[in-house]
Amino acid sequence: MNYPYGPYGQGFPGQPGYPQQPGYPPQGGYPPQGGYLGGQQPYPLTPAPSTSPSAATGVIAAVLSGLGGLANVVGGLLMAFGLAAMISESTYDTGSGAWTGLIAITMLNIVAGVLLSIGTVMLLLRKRTSRWIVVAGCAVSILSSLISLSLASTIADYQYGGKGADVVGLVFPIATIVLALLPSTAAWIRAKQNGAPHPPHWG
């Protein structure tokens, strides 16, 4: 015999006539936690520090340019005073072709020294036109040395230093030109003009 009710007078759930118990709503799931794989990073990434271009070639070019400027200005002025003293003495033949070469060398040395001095200051300030001023000064210095070498036999009695000084006068300007025109020197100057990059602001 089937009993509609349980042993204690209460019906079984699910039988006809038994009131249904109110169900519990399903529990909401936990939101996915951000992780290292596919989620958000727990901490903002720190940007890598920017590296500045090397200043080695630019600084060496400025040092050589400064030394060349000093040597050319001082040497040119000493030659100018020496020429003035020679001309004032009647024992020297002012009609000789050596005088033209000496005057040209003197003027070129002074011009080269002025250009190199200006270029040195501008290069240390990392101005864009500084490299070309240095190159122009070196070119004038090289021209002066070439004239001196070509007239070595003519101006031997009037010139100090000899061929050795002229050869050195060729080596240093060429090295300065190479250093001034290197891409690393140009990058060093551009870094100053563009300014250092600012790191992003993390809110």
Protein backbone atom coordinates (compact mmCIF):
# COMPACT_ATOMS: atom_id res chain seq x y z
CA MET A 1 0.00 0.00 0.00
CA ASN A 2 1.37 3.34 -1.00
CA TYR A 3 1.20 6.15 1.48
CA PRO A 4 0.84 9.66 0.18
CA TYR A 5 2.79 10.97 3.08
CA GLY A 6 6.05 10.09 4.72
CA PRO A 7 6.43 8.26 7.97
CA TYR A 8 6.21 11.47 9.93
CA GLY A 9 3.22 12.91 8.16
CA GLN A 10 5.12 14.99 5.67
CA GLY A 11 4.96 14.41 1.97
CA PHE A 12 7.95 13.77 -0.25
CA PRO A 13 8.97 16.56 -2.55
CA GLY A 14 7.93 16.11 -6.09
CA GLN A 15 4.71 14.18 -5.27
CA PRO A 16 1.40 15.54 -6.42
CA GLY A 17 -0.18 17.92 -3.95
CA TYR A 18 3.04 18.73 -2.21
CA PRO A 19 3.94 22.44 -2.31
CA GLN A 20 7.24 23.07 -3.97
CA GLN A 21 9.99 24.64 -1.91
CA PRO A 22 11.24 27.93 -3.27
CA GLY A 23 14.45 27.33 -5.16
CA TYR A 24 17.64 29.16 -4.52
CA PRO A 25 18.93 31.30 -7.34
CA PRO A 26 22.23 30.10 -8.83
CA GLN A 27 25.24 31.68 -7.35
CA GLY A 28 27.00 34.12 -9.64
CA GLY A 29 30.47 33.11 -10.76
CA TYR A 30 33.51 35.02 -9.72
CA PRO A 31 34.85 37.42 -12.31
CA PRO A 32 38.00 36.15 -14.00
CA GLN A 33 41.08 37.32 -12.27
CA GLY A 34 43.73 39.05 -14.38
CA GLY A 35 46.84 36.99 -14.69
CA TYR A 36 50.03 36.95 -16.65
CA LEU A 37 48.45 34.91 -19.45
CA GLY A 38 45.71 36.69 -21.38
CA GLY A 39 44.74 39.06 -18.58
CA GLN A 40 45.83 42.43 -17.46
CA GLN A 41 49.30 42.89 -16.05
CA PRO A 42 49.23 43.43 -12.31
CA TYR A 43 51.77 46.23 -12.59
CA PRO A 44 52.46 48.67 -15.43
CA LEU A 45 55.54 47.90 -17.46
CA THR A 46 58.45 50.23 -16.86
CA PRO A 47 59.71 51.74 -20.13
CA ALA A 48 63.26 50.92 -21.06
CA PRO A 49 65.61 53.87 -20.52
CA SER A 50 66.57 55.63 -23.74
CA THR A 51 70.24 55.48 -24.67
CA SER A 52 71.94 58.68 -25.76
CA PRO A 53 74.29 58.63 -28.75
CA SER A 54 77.97 58.36 -27.95
CA ALA A 55 79.74 61.69 -27.63
CA ALA A 56 83.23 60.25 -28.22
CA THR A 57 83.68 61.19 -31.88
CA GLY A 58 82.10 64.61 -31.43
CA VAL A 59 84.26 65.49 -28.44
CA ILE A 60 87.47 64.27 -30.12
CA ALA A 61 86.59 66.26 -33.25
CA ALA A 62 86.05 69.35 -31.10
CA VAL A 63 89.40 68.86 -29.33
CA LEU A 64 91.30 68.44 -32.61
CA SER A 65 89.46 71.39 -34.11
CA GLY A 66 90.31 73.56 -31.11
CA LEU A 67 93.99 72.61 -31.25
CA GLY A 68 94.06 73.24 -34.99
CA GLY A 69 92.40 76.60 -34.58
CA LEU A 70 94.88 77.66 -31.92
CA ALA A 71 97.87 76.48 -33.95
CA ASN A 72 96.70 78.19 -37.12
CA VAL A 73 95.85 81.50 -35.47
CA VAL A 74 99.10 81.67 -33.49
CA GLY A 75 101.18 80.45 -36.44
CA GLY A 76 99.49 82.85 -38.84
CA LEU A 77 100.03 85.83 -36.56
CA LEU A 78 103.67 84.92 -35.99
CA MET A 79 104.18 84.61 -39.74
CA ALA A 80 102.49 87.97 -40.27
CA PHE A 81 104.80 89.68 -37.76
CA GLY A 82 107.79 87.91 -39.29
CA LEU A 83 106.83 89.02 -42.78
CA ALA A 84 106.37 92.58 -41.61
CA ALA A 85 109.85 92.54 -40.07
CA MET A 86 111.38 91.04 -43.22
CA ILE A 87 109.71 93.57 -45.48
CA SER A 88 110.96 96.43 -43.34
CA GLU A 89 114.56 95.28 -43.85
CA SER A 90 116.17 96.15 -47.15
CA THR A 91 118.30 92.98 -47.18
CA TYR A 92 115.31 90.85 -48.32
CA ASP A 93 114.24 90.90 -51.94
CA THR A 94 110.55 91.77 -51.78
CA GLY A 95 110.20 91.14 -55.49
CA SER A 96 110.90 87.43 -55.04
CA GLY A 97 108.11 84.96 -55.78
CA ALA A 98 108.51 83.55 -52.29
CA TRP A 99 106.72 86.55 -50.82
CA THR A 100 103.51 85.79 -52.66
CA GLY A 101 103.48 82.24 -51.33
CA LEU A 102 104.31 83.37 -47.79
CA ILE A 103 101.57 85.99 -47.79
CA ALA A 104 99.06 83.44 -49.11
CA ILE A 105 100.05 80.87 -46.47
CA THR A 106 99.83 83.49 -43.73
CA MET A 107 96.37 84.63 -44.71
CA LEU A 108 95.10 81.07 -45.13
CA ASN A 109 96.42 80.07 -41.72
CA ILE A 110 94.64 82.95 -40.02
CA VAL A 111 91.37 82.25 -41.87
CA ALA A 112 91.60 78.54 -41.02
CA GLY A 113 92.31 79.31 -37.37
CA VAL A 114 89.29 81.62 -37.10
CA LEU A 115 86.98 79.08 -38.76
CA LEU A 116 88.23 76.22 -36.60
CA SER A 117 87.89 78.26 -33.42
CA ILE A 118 84.30 79.21 -34.24
CA GLY A 119 83.52 75.65 -35.30
CA THR A 120 84.94 74.27 -32.05
CA VAL A 121 82.66 76.42 -29.90
CA MET A 122 79.62 75.60 -32.02
CA LEU A 123 80.47 71.90 -32.03
CA LEU A 124 80.67 71.83 -28.24
CA LEU A 125 77.27 73.55 -28.21
CA ARG A 126 76.12 70.85 -30.65
CA LYS A 127 74.87 73.18 -33.36
CA ARG A 128 73.88 71.67 -36.70
CA THR A 129 76.16 73.92 -38.80
CA SER A 130 79.19 73.36 -36.57
CA ARG A 131 80.44 70.34 -38.51
CA TRP A 132 80.52 72.21 -41.80
CA ILE A 133 82.36 75.17 -40.30
CA VAL A 134 84.96 72.76 -38.91
CA VAL A 135 85.24 71.05 -42.30
CA ALA A 136 85.68 74.43 -44.03
CA GLY A 137 88.43 75.42 -41.59
CA CYS A 138 90.20 72.10 -42.12
CA ALA A 139 89.97 72.50 -45.90
CA VAL A 140 91.60 75.94 -45.72
CA SER A 141 94.33 74.53 -43.46
CA ILE A 142 94.98 71.67 -45.90
CA LEU A 143 95.22 74.15 -48.77
CA SER A 144 97.76 76.18 -46.81
CA SER A 145 99.88 73.08 -46.17
CA LEU A 146 99.73 72.04 -49.83
CA ILE A 147 100.92 75.49 -50.95
CA SER A 148 103.72 75.34 -48.42
CA LEU A 149 104.81 71.91 -49.68
CA SER A 150 104.68 72.98 -53.31
CA LEU A 151 106.84 76.04 -52.57
CA ALA A 152 109.19 74.28 -50.17
CA SER A 153 112.32 75.05 -52.20
CA THR A 154 111.28 78.67 -52.85
CA ILE A 155 110.36 79.68 -49.31
CA ALA A 156 112.91 77.53 -47.47
CA ASP A 157 114.88 80.59 -46.36
CA TYR A 158 111.79 82.33 -44.98
CA GLN A 159 109.76 79.50 -43.39
CA TYR A 160 110.05 77.81 -40.03
CA GLY A 161 109.10 74.22 -39.37
CA GLY A 162 110.00 72.67 -42.71
CA LYS A 163 108.25 69.81 -44.44
CA GLY A 164 107.61 67.90 -41.22
CA ALA A 165 105.32 70.62 -39.93
CA ASP A 166 103.48 70.69 -43.27
CA VAL A 167 102.91 66.93 -43.20
CA VAL A 168 101.53 67.16 -39.66
CA GLY A 169 99.43 70.06 -40.88
CA LEU A 170 97.85 67.67 -43.37
CA VAL A 171 97.25 64.72 -41.04
CA PHE A 172 95.40 66.54 -38.28
CA PRO A 173 92.89 68.39 -40.51
CA ILE A 174 92.08 65.19 -42.39
CA ALA A 175 91.48 63.30 -39.13
CA THR A 176 89.30 66.15 -37.88
CA ILE A 177 87.20 66.10 -41.05
CA VAL A 178 86.67 62.34 -40.77
CA LEU A 179 85.56 62.60 -37.12
CA ALA A 180 83.30 65.57 -37.78
CA LEU A 181 81.51 63.82 -40.65
CA LEU A 182 80.98 60.49 -38.91
CA PRO A 183 77.31 59.49 -38.43
CA SER A 184 77.86 59.15 -34.67
CA THR A 185 78.87 62.82 -34.47
CA ALA A 186 75.77 63.83 -36.43
CA ALA A 187 73.57 61.70 -34.13
CA TRP A 188 75.18 63.29 -31.07
CA ILE A 189 74.35 66.76 -32.40
CA ARG A 190 70.77 65.78 -33.34
CA ALA A 191 70.15 64.38 -29.86
CA LYS A 192 70.86 67.82 -28.42
CA GLN A 193 68.66 69.59 -30.97
CA ASN A 194 65.72 67.19 -30.58
CA GLY A 195 65.95 67.00 -26.81
CA ALA A 196 65.90 63.89 -24.64
CA PRO A 197 62.68 61.82 -24.88
CA HIS A 198 60.38 62.05 -21.88
CA PRO A 199 59.14 58.83 -20.28
CA PRO A 200 55.36 58.21 -20.56
CA HIS A 201 53.16 59.13 -17.59
CA TRP A 202 51.53 56.19 -15.93
CA GLY A 203 48.18 57.17 -14.46
